[in-house]
Amino acid sequence: MSKSNNKYRVEEITNFIRGGFIIDGDAGQRFSRIEGLDDASEGALTWCSPKKENQEELIRNTGASVVICSDSVSHEIAAGKTLIKTDDPRKTFMEVVNGLKKQEREYGIHPTAVIHPEAEIHDKAYIGPFTYVGKSRIGEGTVIHGHVYIYDNVEIGNDVVVEAGVIIGADGYGYQKNHDGDWERFPHLGGVVIKDQVEISCNATIDRGSLGNTVIGRNTKISKETHISHNVQTGERCIIAGGAMVSGSVTIGDDVWIGPNSTILNKLIIDNKVTISIGAVVTKDVRSGFTAVGSRIIPEKMIQKK
């Protein structure tokens, strides 16, 4: 939520909260800003971590009008404040603020964007400055920031966020020697399917499939400078951290965490709930629940002696 003059009442934001909560104080209390606990002023919304030993003192001293806090906090400390009490204040704060941001979002196509005449873009989507969208489909609530290039045959679902500099749908890096012995690009005729609630951070690249589609599963989050090669299939709720390299035709299950600067060899299977540690080089399939760590070691006998 931007620091604007828009004012909200506590009772208006409770529909954003997906867990249990109790309103302690005036449900009509208004706020217009989101601020940190220590620096908050009157008219602000803030939150307090239950991990802080002095949480009640911090809540008593903050200038904020509305505080999201633990359900163990005493009512007596909240004179003049409204408390939203929950068993997980961090999650509740996140849900409220993201709900407000989405509510304030403006949709439309920036005048500098270039859109293919056969592209299908939902009325409630945003296309940012200097972005190109080919003959593709963009769903409801999706935000495509500036300087993004989306090739033909890309399908992007609902409530997706694509940050600046992302490239989706380019040909994969697949070459085959022809009958003359020269390298020639193998045809990439497939597309890319981005499911709902995916987020793709700045300068990430996702290649199209060769014949089938590259698919990014629902609620997967892809960090900056990450590359997803052709024909990769990811499950739901995966985290792919910055600088990771996922080679072609890798199949990834649900709830997989892929660490920064890690590399996965092509055609591998990564099962559900696998963790791939920072900088790991994965050269074999990884079974469900396992953690892949370390770099591939080259045996001494394979090193040519001078």
C-alpha atoms as a PDB file:
ATOM      1  CA  MET A   1       0.000   0.000   0.000  1.00  0.00           C
ATOM      2  CA  SER A   2       1.358   3.395  -0.929  1.00  0.00           C
ATOM      3  CA  LYS A   3       1.541   6.194   1.585  1.00  0.00           C
ATOM      4  CA  SER A   4      -1.482   8.004   0.204  1.00  0.00           C
ATOM      5  CA  ASN A   5      -4.405   9.909   1.621  1.00  0.00           C
ATOM      6  CA  ASN A   6      -6.677   6.915   1.143  1.00  0.00           C
ATOM      7  CA  LYS A   7      -8.172   5.880   4.449  1.00  0.00           C
ATOM      8  CA  TYR A   8      -9.307   2.440   5.461  1.00  0.00           C
ATOM      9  CA  ARG A   9     -11.236   1.206   8.446  1.00  0.00           C
ATOM     10  CA  VAL A  10     -10.138  -1.924  10.269  1.00  0.00           C
ATOM     11  CA  GLU A  11     -13.446  -3.635   9.512  1.00  0.00           C
ATOM     12  CA  GLU A  12     -12.807  -3.112   5.771  1.00  0.00           C
ATOM     13  CA  ILE A  13      -9.563  -5.085   5.706  1.00  0.00           C
ATOM     14  CA  THR A  14     -10.576  -8.203   7.626  1.00  0.00           C
ATOM     15  CA  ASN A  15     -11.640  -9.975   4.410  1.00  0.00           C
ATOM     16  CA  PHE A  16      -7.944 -10.109   3.450  1.00  0.00           C
ATOM     17  CA  ILE A  17      -7.090 -12.196   6.539  1.00  0.00           C
ATOM     18  CA  ARG A  18      -7.149 -15.923   5.848  1.00  0.00           C
ATOM     19  CA  GLY A  19      -6.488 -17.114   9.401  1.00  0.00           C
ATOM     20  CA  GLY A  20      -8.291 -16.647  12.696  1.00  0.00           C
ATOM     21  CA  PHE A  21      -8.219 -13.231  14.350  1.00  0.00           C
ATOM     22  CA  ILE A  22      -9.839 -11.058  17.019  1.00  0.00           C
ATOM     23  CA  ILE A  23     -10.377  -7.289  16.814  1.00  0.00           C
ATOM     24  CA  ASP A  24      -9.590  -5.739  20.182  1.00  0.00           C
ATOM     25  CA  GLY A  25     -10.752  -2.132  20.094  1.00  0.00           C
ATOM     26  CA  ASP A  26     -12.657   0.020  17.634  1.00  0.00           C
ATOM     27  CA  ALA A  27     -13.373  -1.867  14.393  1.00  0.00           C
ATOM     28  CA  GLY A  28     -14.062   1.519  12.791  1.00  0.00           C
ATOM     29  CA  GLN A  29     -10.545   2.773  13.542  1.00  0.00           C
ATOM     30  CA  ARG A  30      -9.003   4.366  10.461  1.00  0.00           C
ATOM     31  CA  PHE A  31      -5.468   4.252   9.083  1.00  0.00           C
ATOM     32  CA  SER A  32      -3.857   5.691   5.961  1.00  0.00           C
ATOM     33  CA  ARG A  33      -0.243   4.461   6.051  1.00  0.00           C
ATOM     34  CA  ILE A  34       1.877   1.371   6.630  1.00  0.00           C
ATOM     35  CA  GLU A  35       4.862   2.050   8.891  1.00  0.00           C
ATOM     36  CA  GLY A  36       7.409   0.224  11.036  1.00  0.00           C
ATOM     37  CA  LEU A  37       6.588  -0.379  14.678  1.00  0.00           C
ATOM     38  CA  ASP A  38       9.299   1.880  16.127  1.00  0.00           C
ATOM     39  CA  ASP A  39       8.726   4.820  13.783  1.00  0.00           C
ATOM     40  CA  ALA A  40       4.957   4.601  13.313  1.00  0.00           C
ATOM     41  CA  SER A  41       2.815   7.683  13.818  1.00  0.00           C
ATOM     42  CA  GLU A  42      -0.868   8.210  14.446  1.00  0.00           C
ATOM     43  CA  GLY A  43      -2.975   6.994  11.546  1.00  0.00           C
ATOM     44  CA  ALA A  44      -0.593   4.152  10.657  1.00  0.00           C
ATOM     45  CA  LEU A  45      -0.962   0.373  10.522  1.00  0.00           C
ATOM     46  CA  THR A  46       1.943  -1.729  11.819  1.00  0.00           C
ATOM     47  CA  TRP A  47       2.708  -5.160  13.263  1.00  0.00           C
ATOM     48  CA  CYS A  48       4.688  -6.597  16.164  1.00  0.00           C
ATOM     49  CA  SER A  49       6.522  -9.914  16.193  1.00  0.00           C
ATOM     50  CA  PRO A  50       5.609 -12.221  19.107  1.00  0.00           C
ATOM     51  CA  LYS A  51       9.295 -13.187  19.224  1.00  0.00           C
ATOM     52  CA  LYS A  52      10.123  -9.828  20.796  1.00  0.00           C
ATOM     53  CA  GLU A  53      10.410 -10.194  24.568  1.00  0.00           C
ATOM     54  CA  ASN A  54       9.143  -6.658  25.148  1.00  0.00           C
ATOM     55  CA  GLN A  55       6.275  -6.793  22.635  1.00  0.00           C
ATOM     56  CA  GLU A  56       3.707  -5.264  24.989  1.00  0.00           C
ATOM     57  CA  GLU A  57       5.990  -2.338  25.781  1.00  0.00           C
ATOM     58  CA  LEU A  58       6.647  -1.799  22.071  1.00  0.00           C
ATOM     59  CA  ILE A  59       2.926  -1.826  21.301  1.00  0.00           C
ATOM     60  CA  ARG A  60       2.214   0.555  24.163  1.00  0.00           C
ATOM     61  CA  ASN A  61       4.835   3.030  22.937  1.00  0.00           C
ATOM     62  CA  THR A  62       4.179   2.907  19.194  1.00  0.00           C
ATOM     63  CA  GLY A  63       2.296   5.807  17.684  1.00  0.00           C
ATOM     64  CA  ALA A  64       0.416   3.532  15.284  1.00  0.00           C
ATOM     65  CA  SER A  65      -3.371   3.491  15.448  1.00  0.00           C
ATOM     66  CA  VAL A  66      -3.701  -0.155  14.370  1.00  0.00           C
ATOM     67  CA  VAL A  67      -1.350  -2.955  15.419  1.00  0.00           C
ATOM     68  CA  ILE A  68      -1.387  -6.558  14.221  1.00  0.00           C
ATOM     69  CA  CYS A  69      -0.022  -8.594  17.107  1.00  0.00           C
ATOM     70  CA  SER A  70      -0.078 -11.861  19.016  1.00  0.00           C
ATOM     71  CA  ASP A  71      -3.341 -13.016  20.579  1.00  0.00           C
ATOM     72  CA  SER A  72      -1.511 -13.170  23.913  1.00  0.00           C
ATOM     73  CA  VAL A  73      -1.147  -9.377  24.149  1.00  0.00           C
ATOM     74  CA  SER A  74      -3.150  -7.813  26.993  1.00  0.00           C
ATOM     75  CA  HIS A  75      -5.982  -5.421  26.168  1.00  0.00           C
ATOM     76  CA  GLU A  76      -4.898  -2.963  28.857  1.00  0.00           C
ATOM     77  CA  ILE A  77      -1.828  -1.791  26.921  1.00  0.00           C
ATOM     78  CA  ALA A  78      -3.793  -0.672  23.885  1.00  0.00           C
ATOM     79  CA  ALA A  79      -5.310   2.622  25.002  1.00  0.00           C
ATOM     80  CA  GLY A  80      -6.495   4.475  21.922  1.00  0.00           C
ATOM     81  CA  LYS A  81      -5.294   1.710  19.607  1.00  0.00           C
ATOM     82  CA  THR A  82      -7.046  -1.096  17.782  1.00  0.00           C
ATOM     83  CA  LEU A  83      -5.326  -4.475  17.953  1.00  0.00           C
ATOM     84  CA  ILE A  84      -5.827  -7.219  15.400  1.00  0.00           C
ATOM     85  CA  LYS A  85      -4.854 -10.295  17.392  1.00  0.00           C
ATOM     86  CA  THR A  86      -3.785 -13.468  15.636  1.00  0.00           C
ATOM     87  CA  ASP A  87      -1.607 -16.519  16.220  1.00  0.00           C
ATOM     88  CA  ASP A  88       0.693 -15.452  13.355  1.00  0.00           C
ATOM     89  CA  PRO A  89       0.990 -11.654  13.091  1.00  0.00           C
ATOM     90  CA  ARG A  90       3.600 -11.783  10.333  1.00  0.00           C
ATOM     91  CA  LYS A  91       1.336 -13.776   8.006  1.00  0.00           C
ATOM     92  CA  THR A  92      -1.664 -11.609   8.850  1.00  0.00           C
ATOM     93  CA  PHE A  93       0.287  -8.393   8.192  1.00  0.00           C
ATOM     94  CA  MET A  94       1.458  -9.810   4.859  1.00  0.00           C
ATOM     95  CA  GLU A  95      -2.079 -10.767   3.825  1.00  0.00           C
ATOM     96  CA  VAL A  96      -3.520  -7.370   4.777  1.00  0.00           C
ATOM     97  CA  VAL A  97      -0.863  -5.277   3.047  1.00  0.00           C
ATOM     98  CA  ASN A  98      -0.829  -7.405  -0.108  1.00  0.00           C
ATOM     99  CA  GLY A  99      -4.614  -7.308  -0.198  1.00  0.00           C
ATOM    100  CA  LEU A 100      -4.570  -3.515  -0.034  1.00  0.00           C
ATOM    101  CA  LYS A 101      -1.885  -3.292  -2.717  1.00  0.00           C
ATOM    102  CA  LYS A 102      -3.917  -5.474  -5.049  1.00  0.00           C
ATOM    103  CA  GLN A 103      -7.041  -3.416  -4.334  1.00  0.00           C
ATOM    104  CA  GLU A 104      -5.193  -0.202  -5.273  1.00  0.00           C
ATOM    105  CA  ARG A 105      -3.672  -1.693  -8.434  1.00  0.00           C
ATOM    106  CA  GLU A 106      -4.398   0.081 -11.707  1.00  0.00           C
ATOM    107  CA  TYR A 107      -4.801  -1.958 -14.886  1.00  0.00           C
ATOM    108  CA  GLY A 108      -4.291  -1.146 -18.544  1.00  0.00           C
ATOM    109  CA  ILE A 109      -1.635  -1.074 -21.258  1.00  0.00           C
ATOM    110  CA  HIS A 110       1.117   1.539 -21.179  1.00  0.00           C
ATOM    111  CA  PRO A 111       1.188   3.612 -24.381  1.00  0.00           C
ATOM    112  CA  THR A 112       4.779   2.570 -25.127  1.00  0.00           C
ATOM    113  CA  ALA A 113       4.004  -1.169 -24.957  1.00  0.00           C
ATOM    114  CA  VAL A 114       3.816  -3.114 -28.234  1.00  0.00           C
ATOM    115  CA  ILE A 115       1.049  -5.704 -28.409  1.00  0.00           C
ATOM    116  CA  HIS A 116       0.503  -8.277 -31.147  1.00  0.00           C
ATOM    117  CA  PRO A 117      -2.952  -7.768 -32.708  1.00  0.00           C
ATOM    118  CA  GLU A 118      -3.899 -11.360 -31.862  1.00  0.00           C
ATOM    119  CA  ALA A 119      -2.763 -11.215 -28.233  1.00  0.00           C
ATOM    120  CA  GLU A 120      -5.500 -11.844 -25.649  1.00  0.00           C
ATOM    121  CA  ILE A 121      -5.075  -9.575 -22.637  1.00  0.00           C
ATOM    122  CA  HIS A 122      -7.641  -9.470 -19.839  1.00  0.00           C
ATOM    123  CA  ASP A 123      -9.183  -6.073 -19.119  1.00  0.00           C
ATOM    124  CA  LYS A 124      -7.913  -6.347 -15.549  1.00  0.00           C
ATOM    125  CA  ALA A 125      -4.251  -6.889 -16.437  1.00  0.00           C
ATOM    126  CA  TYR A 126      -1.375  -4.416 -16.586  1.00  0.00           C
ATOM    127  CA  ILE A 127       1.277  -4.191 -19.312  1.00  0.00           C
ATOM    128  CA  GLY A 128       4.157  -1.848 -18.459  1.00  0.00           C
ATOM    129  CA  PRO A 129       6.291   0.547 -20.513  1.00  0.00           C
ATOM    130  CA  PHE A 130       8.370  -0.727 -23.446  1.00  0.00           C
ATOM    131  CA  THR A 131       7.088  -4.276 -23.037  1.00  0.00           C
ATOM    132  CA  TYR A 132       6.372  -6.501 -26.037  1.00  0.00           C
ATOM    133  CA  VAL A 133       3.613  -9.126 -25.962  1.00  0.00           C
ATOM    134  CA  GLY A 134       3.399 -11.530 -28.889  1.00  0.00           C
ATOM    135  CA  LYS A 135       0.476 -13.699 -29.929  1.00  0.00           C
ATOM    136  CA  SER A 136      -0.091 -14.839 -26.368  1.00  0.00           C
ATOM    137  CA  ARG A 137      -2.651 -14.788 -23.565  1.00  0.00           C
ATOM    138  CA  ILE A 138      -2.485 -12.761 -20.307  1.00  0.00           C
ATOM    139  CA  GLY A 139      -4.946 -13.518 -17.488  1.00  0.00           C
ATOM    140  CA  GLU A 140      -6.892 -11.476 -14.960  1.00  0.00           C
ATOM    141  CA  GLY A 141      -5.015  -9.578 -12.264  1.00  0.00           C
ATOM    142  CA  THR A 142      -1.639 -10.211 -13.909  1.00  0.00           C
ATOM    143  CA  VAL A 143       1.010  -7.481 -13.850  1.00  0.00           C
ATOM    144  CA  ILE A 144       3.705  -7.364 -16.523  1.00  0.00           C
ATOM    145  CA  HIS A 145       6.251  -4.667 -15.687  1.00  0.00           C
ATOM    146  CA  GLY A 146       8.362  -2.670 -18.155  1.00  0.00           C
ATOM    147  CA  HIS A 147      10.968  -3.928 -20.635  1.00  0.00           C
ATOM    148  CA  VAL A 148       9.591  -7.477 -20.676  1.00  0.00           C
ATOM    149  CA  TYR A 149       9.602  -9.532 -23.896  1.00  0.00           C
ATOM    150  CA  ILE A 150       6.926 -12.195 -24.273  1.00  0.00           C
ATOM    151  CA  TYR A 151       7.152 -14.254 -27.464  1.00  0.00           C
ATOM    152  CA  ASP A 152       4.279 -15.971 -29.290  1.00  0.00           C
ATOM    153  CA  ASN A 153       2.548 -19.017 -27.824  1.00  0.00           C
ATOM    154  CA  VAL A 154       2.870 -18.010 -24.173  1.00  0.00           C
ATOM    155  CA  GLU A 155      -0.055 -18.461 -21.814  1.00  0.00           C
ATOM    156  CA  ILE A 156       0.111 -16.543 -18.537  1.00  0.00           C
ATOM    157  CA  GLY A 157      -2.555 -17.224 -15.913  1.00  0.00           C
ATOM    158  CA  ASN A 158      -4.250 -15.066 -13.303  1.00  0.00           C
ATOM    159  CA  ASP A 159      -2.545 -12.940 -10.619  1.00  0.00           C
ATOM    160  CA  VAL A 160       0.918 -13.467 -12.074  1.00  0.00           C
ATOM    161  CA  VAL A 161       3.689 -10.890 -11.548  1.00  0.00           C
ATOM    162  CA  VAL A 162       6.457 -10.534 -14.141  1.00  0.00           C
ATOM    163  CA  GLU A 163       9.146  -8.022 -13.197  1.00  0.00           C
ATOM    164  CA  ALA A 164      11.289  -5.864 -15.484  1.00  0.00           C
ATOM    165  CA  GLY A 165      13.689  -7.434 -17.958  1.00  0.00           C
ATOM    166  CA  VAL A 166      12.119 -10.899 -18.045  1.00  0.00           C
ATOM    167  CA  ILE A 167      12.120 -12.848 -21.336  1.00  0.00           C
ATOM    168  CA  ILE A 168       9.533 -15.605 -21.791  1.00  0.00           C
ATOM    169  CA  GLY A 169       9.217 -17.918 -24.771  1.00  0.00           C
ATOM    170  CA  ALA A 170      12.509 -17.596 -26.644  1.00  0.00           C
ATOM    171  CA  ASP A 171      13.880 -20.711 -28.356  1.00  0.00           C
ATOM    172  CA  GLY A 172      15.786 -23.085 -26.136  1.00  0.00           C
ATOM    173  CA  TYR A 173      19.520 -23.673 -26.475  1.00  0.00           C
ATOM    174  CA  GLY A 174      19.137 -26.893 -28.417  1.00  0.00           C
ATOM    175  CA  TYR A 175      21.414 -27.673 -31.350  1.00  0.00           C
ATOM    176  CA  GLN A 176      21.965 -30.720 -33.563  1.00  0.00           C
ATOM    177  CA  LYS A 177      24.713 -31.270 -36.135  1.00  0.00           C
ATOM    178  CA  ASN A 178      23.247 -31.446 -39.623  1.00  0.00           C
ATOM    179  CA  HIS A 179      24.374 -33.666 -42.522  1.00  0.00           C
ATOM    180  CA  ASP A 180      27.130 -31.164 -43.339  1.00  0.00           C
ATOM    181  CA  GLY A 181      28.536 -31.537 -39.832  1.00  0.00           C
ATOM    182  CA  ASP A 182      27.526 -28.016 -38.801  1.00  0.00           C
ATOM    183  CA  TRP A 183      25.537 -27.084 -35.715  1.00  0.00           C
ATOM    184  CA  GLU A 184      21.917 -26.223 -36.506  1.00  0.00           C
ATOM    185  CA  ARG A 185      19.205 -25.157 -34.087  1.00  0.00           C
ATOM    186  CA  PHE A 186      16.686 -27.899 -33.369  1.00  0.00           C
ATOM    187  CA  PRO A 187      13.136 -26.558 -33.983  1.00  0.00           C
ATOM    188  CA  HIS A 188      11.345 -25.162 -30.944  1.00  0.00           C
ATOM    189  CA  LEU A 189       7.663 -25.199 -31.812  1.00  0.00           C
ATOM    190  CA  GLY A 190       6.142 -25.431 -28.342  1.00  0.00           C
ATOM    191  CA  GLY A 191       5.224 -22.686 -25.926  1.00  0.00           C
ATOM    192  CA  VAL A 192       5.308 -21.640 -22.289  1.00  0.00           C
ATOM    193  CA  VAL A 193       2.468 -22.025 -19.789  1.00  0.00           C
ATOM    194  CA  ILE A 194       2.664 -19.938 -16.610  1.00  0.00           C
ATOM    195  CA  LYS A 195       0.029 -21.000 -14.084  1.00  0.00           C
ATOM    196  CA  ASP A 196      -1.811 -18.724 -11.618  1.00  0.00           C
ATOM    197  CA  GLN A 197      -0.027 -16.792  -8.838  1.00  0.00           C
ATOM    198  CA  VAL A 198       3.463 -17.281 -10.253  1.00  0.00           C
ATOM    199  CA  GLU A 199       6.014 -14.507  -9.696  1.00  0.00           C
ATOM    200  CA  ILE A 200       9.017 -14.066 -11.986  1.00  0.00           C
ATOM    201  CA  SER A 201      11.685 -11.620 -10.829  1.00  0.00           C
ATOM    202  CA  CYS A 202      13.901  -9.263 -12.837  1.00  0.00           C
ATOM    203  CA  ASN A 203      15.970 -10.598 -15.747  1.00  0.00           C
ATOM    204  CA  ALA A 204      14.849 -14.209 -15.446  1.00  0.00           C
ATOM    205  CA  THR A 205      14.479 -16.176 -18.693  1.00  0.00           C
ATOM    206  CA  ILE A 206      12.103 -19.032 -19.523  1.00  0.00           C
ATOM    207  CA  ASP A 207      12.505 -20.868 -22.820  1.00  0.00           C
ATOM    208  CA  ARG A 208       9.692 -22.338 -24.908  1.00  0.00           C
ATOM    209  CA  GLY A 209       9.381 -26.078 -25.337  1.00  0.00           C
ATOM    210  CA  SER A 210      10.734 -27.853 -28.415  1.00  0.00           C
ATOM    211  CA  LEU A 211       7.495 -29.674 -29.270  1.00  0.00           C
ATOM    212  CA  GLY A 212       5.499 -29.587 -26.036  1.00  0.00           C
ATOM    213  CA  ASN A 213       5.310 -26.717 -23.530  1.00  0.00           C
ATOM    214  CA  THR A 214       7.541 -25.484 -20.751  1.00  0.00           C
ATOM    215  CA  VAL A 215       5.220 -25.320 -17.715  1.00  0.00           C
ATOM    216  CA  ILE A 216       5.630 -23.319 -14.491  1.00  0.00           C
ATOM    217  CA  GLY A 217       3.258 -24.606 -11.805  1.00  0.00           C
ATOM    218  CA  ARG A 218       0.836 -22.561  -9.711  1.00  0.00           C
ATOM    219  CA  ASN A 219       2.248 -20.322  -6.978  1.00  0.00           C
ATOM    220  CA  THR A 220       5.862 -20.983  -7.966  1.00  0.00           C
ATOM    221  CA  LYS A 221       8.286 -18.092  -7.347  1.00  0.00           C
ATOM    222  CA  ILE A 222      11.291 -17.547  -9.621  1.00  0.00           C
ATOM    223  CA  SER A 223      14.028 -15.170  -8.493  1.00  0.00           C
ATOM    224  CA  LYS A 224      16.314 -12.801 -10.383  1.00  0.00           C
ATOM    225  CA  GLU A 225      18.845 -13.874 -13.029  1.00  0.00           C
ATOM    226  CA  THR A 226      17.382 -17.402 -13.140  1.00  0.00           C
ATOM    227  CA  HIS A 227      17.174 -19.522 -16.287  1.00  0.00           C
ATOM    228  CA  ILE A 228      14.502 -22.151 -17.000  1.00  0.00           C
ATOM    229  CA  SER A 229      15.329 -24.154 -20.121  1.00  0.00           C
ATOM    230  CA  HIS A 230      13.050 -25.718 -22.735  1.00  0.00           C
ATOM    231  CA  ASN A 231      10.544 -28.417 -21.741  1.00  0.00           C
ATOM    232  CA  VAL A 232      11.013 -27.932 -17.989  1.00  0.00           C
ATOM    233  CA  GLN A 233       7.950 -28.848 -15.929  1.00  0.00           C
ATOM    234  CA  THR A 234       7.639 -27.514 -12.384  1.00  0.00           C
ATOM    235  CA  GLY A 235       5.017 -28.395  -9.802  1.00  0.00           C
ATOM    236  CA  GLU A 236       3.221 -26.043  -7.441  1.00  0.00           C
ATOM    237  CA  ARG A 237       4.675 -23.783  -4.739  1.00  0.00           C
ATOM    238  CA  CYS A 238       8.291 -24.164  -5.827  1.00  0.00           C
ATOM    239  CA  ILE A 239      10.960 -21.626  -4.865  1.00  0.00           C
ATOM    240  CA  ILE A 240      13.683 -21.148  -7.498  1.00  0.00           C
ATOM    241  CA  ALA A 241      16.256 -18.737  -6.100  1.00  0.00           C
ATOM    242  CA  GLY A 242      18.523 -16.244  -7.855  1.00  0.00           C
ATOM    243  CA  GLY A 243      21.023 -17.449 -10.414  1.00  0.00           C
ATOM    244  CA  ALA A 244      19.692 -21.012 -10.545  1.00  0.00           C
ATOM    245  CA  MET A 245      20.055 -22.894 -13.833  1.00  0.00           C
ATOM    246  CA  VAL A 246      17.445 -25.547 -14.661  1.00  0.00           C
ATOM    247  CA  SER A 247      18.509 -27.421 -17.798  1.00  0.00           C
ATOM    248  CA  GLY A 248      16.193 -28.766 -20.469  1.00  0.00           C
ATOM    249  CA  SER A 249      13.469 -31.363 -19.871  1.00  0.00           C
ATOM    250  CA  VAL A 250      13.850 -31.392 -16.085  1.00  0.00           C
ATOM    251  CA  THR A 251      10.714 -32.435 -14.194  1.00  0.00           C
ATOM    252  CA  ILE A 252      10.254 -30.829 -10.773  1.00  0.00           C
ATOM    253  CA  GLY A 253       7.615 -31.825  -8.220  1.00  0.00           C
ATOM    254  CA  ASP A 254       5.620 -29.734  -5.747  1.00  0.00           C
ATOM    255  CA  ASP A 255       7.113 -27.725  -2.857  1.00  0.00           C
ATOM    256  CA  VAL A 256      10.693 -27.918  -4.136  1.00  0.00           C
ATOM    257  CA  TRP A 257      13.288 -25.362  -2.949  1.00  0.00           C
ATOM    258  CA  ILE A 258      16.120 -24.703  -5.422  1.00  0.00           C
ATOM    259  CA  GLY A 259      18.929 -22.644  -3.911  1.00  0.00           C
ATOM    260  CA  PRO A 260      20.835 -19.702  -5.407  1.00  0.00           C
ATOM    261  CA  ASN A 261      23.385 -20.473  -8.133  1.00  0.00           C
ATOM    262  CA  SER A 262      22.503 -24.155  -8.226  1.00  0.00           C
ATOM    263  CA  THR A 263      22.519 -26.152 -11.468  1.00  0.00           C
ATOM    264  CA  ILE A 264      20.324 -29.097 -12.462  1.00  0.00           C
ATOM    265  CA  LEU A 265      21.443 -31.341 -15.315  1.00  0.00           C
ATOM    266  CA  ASN A 266      18.996 -31.920 -18.158  1.00  0.00           C
ATOM    267  CA  LYS A 267      16.334 -34.659 -18.144  1.00  0.00           C
ATOM    268  CA  LEU A 268      16.459 -35.246 -14.383  1.00  0.00           C
ATOM    269  CA  ILE A 269      13.483 -35.829 -12.083  1.00  0.00           C
ATOM    270  CA  ILE A 270      13.291 -33.830  -8.849  1.00  0.00           C
ATOM    271  CA  ASP A 271      10.533 -35.277  -6.666  1.00  0.00           C
ATOM    272  CA  ASN A 272       8.212 -33.454  -4.257  1.00  0.00           C
ATOM    273  CA  LYS A 273       9.572 -31.566  -1.233  1.00  0.00           C
ATOM    274  CA  VAL A 274      13.207 -31.727  -2.318  1.00  0.00           C
ATOM    275  CA  THR A 275      15.733 -29.115  -1.171  1.00  0.00           C
ATOM    276  CA  ILE A 276      18.646 -28.234  -3.456  1.00  0.00           C
ATOM    277  CA  SER A 277      21.229 -26.287  -1.493  1.00  0.00           C
ATOM    278  CA  ILE A 278      23.089 -23.129  -2.501  1.00  0.00           C
ATOM    279  CA  GLY A 279      25.501 -23.746  -5.354  1.00  0.00           C
ATOM    280  CA  ALA A 280      24.679 -27.447  -5.684  1.00  0.00           C
ATOM    281  CA  VAL A 281      25.305 -29.215  -8.986  1.00  0.00           C
ATOM    282  CA  VAL A 282      22.663 -31.908  -9.416  1.00  0.00           C
ATOM    283  CA  THR A 283      23.592 -34.716 -11.820  1.00  0.00           C
ATOM    284  CA  LYS A 284      21.183 -37.454 -10.699  1.00  0.00           C
ATOM    285  CA  ASP A 285      17.475 -37.750  -9.898  1.00  0.00           C
ATOM    286  CA  VAL A 286      16.552 -36.661  -6.356  1.00  0.00           C
ATOM    287  CA  ARG A 287      13.949 -38.599  -4.414  1.00  0.00           C
ATOM    288  CA  SER A 288      11.137 -37.018  -2.394  1.00  0.00           C
ATOM    289  CA  GLY A 289      12.173 -35.348   0.841  1.00  0.00           C
ATOM    290  CA  PHE A 290      15.920 -35.476   0.134  1.00  0.00           C
ATOM    291  CA  THR A 291      18.403 -32.587   0.175  1.00  0.00           C
ATOM    292  CA  ALA A 292      20.993 -32.194  -2.600  1.00  0.00           C
ATOM    293  CA  VAL A 293      24.226 -30.501  -1.492  1.00  0.00           C
ATOM    294  CA  GLY A 294      27.713 -29.824  -2.830  1.00  0.00           C
ATOM    295  CA  SER A 295      29.412 -29.637  -6.196  1.00  0.00           C
ATOM    296  CA  ARG A 296      30.185 -32.436  -8.559  1.00  0.00           C
ATOM    297  CA  ILE A 297      33.741 -33.696  -8.010  1.00  0.00           C
ATOM    298  CA  ILE A 298      35.887 -34.656 -10.990  1.00  0.00           C
ATOM    299  CA  PRO A 299      37.820 -37.849 -10.150  1.00  0.00           C
ATOM    300  CA  GLU A 300      41.598 -37.445 -10.267  1.00  0.00           C
ATOM    301  CA  LYS A 301      41.963 -40.129 -12.923  1.00  0.00           C
ATOM    302  CA  MET A 302      39.920 -37.989 -15.316  1.00  0.00           C
ATOM    303  CA  ILE A 303      42.317 -35.043 -15.012  1.00  0.00           C
ATOM    304  CA  GLN A 304      44.976 -35.109 -17.690  1.00  0.00           C
ATOM    305  CA  LYS A 305      48.451 -34.955 -16.206  1.00  0.00           C
ATOM    306  CA  LYS A 306      50.955 -32.617 -17.823  1.00  0.00           C
END
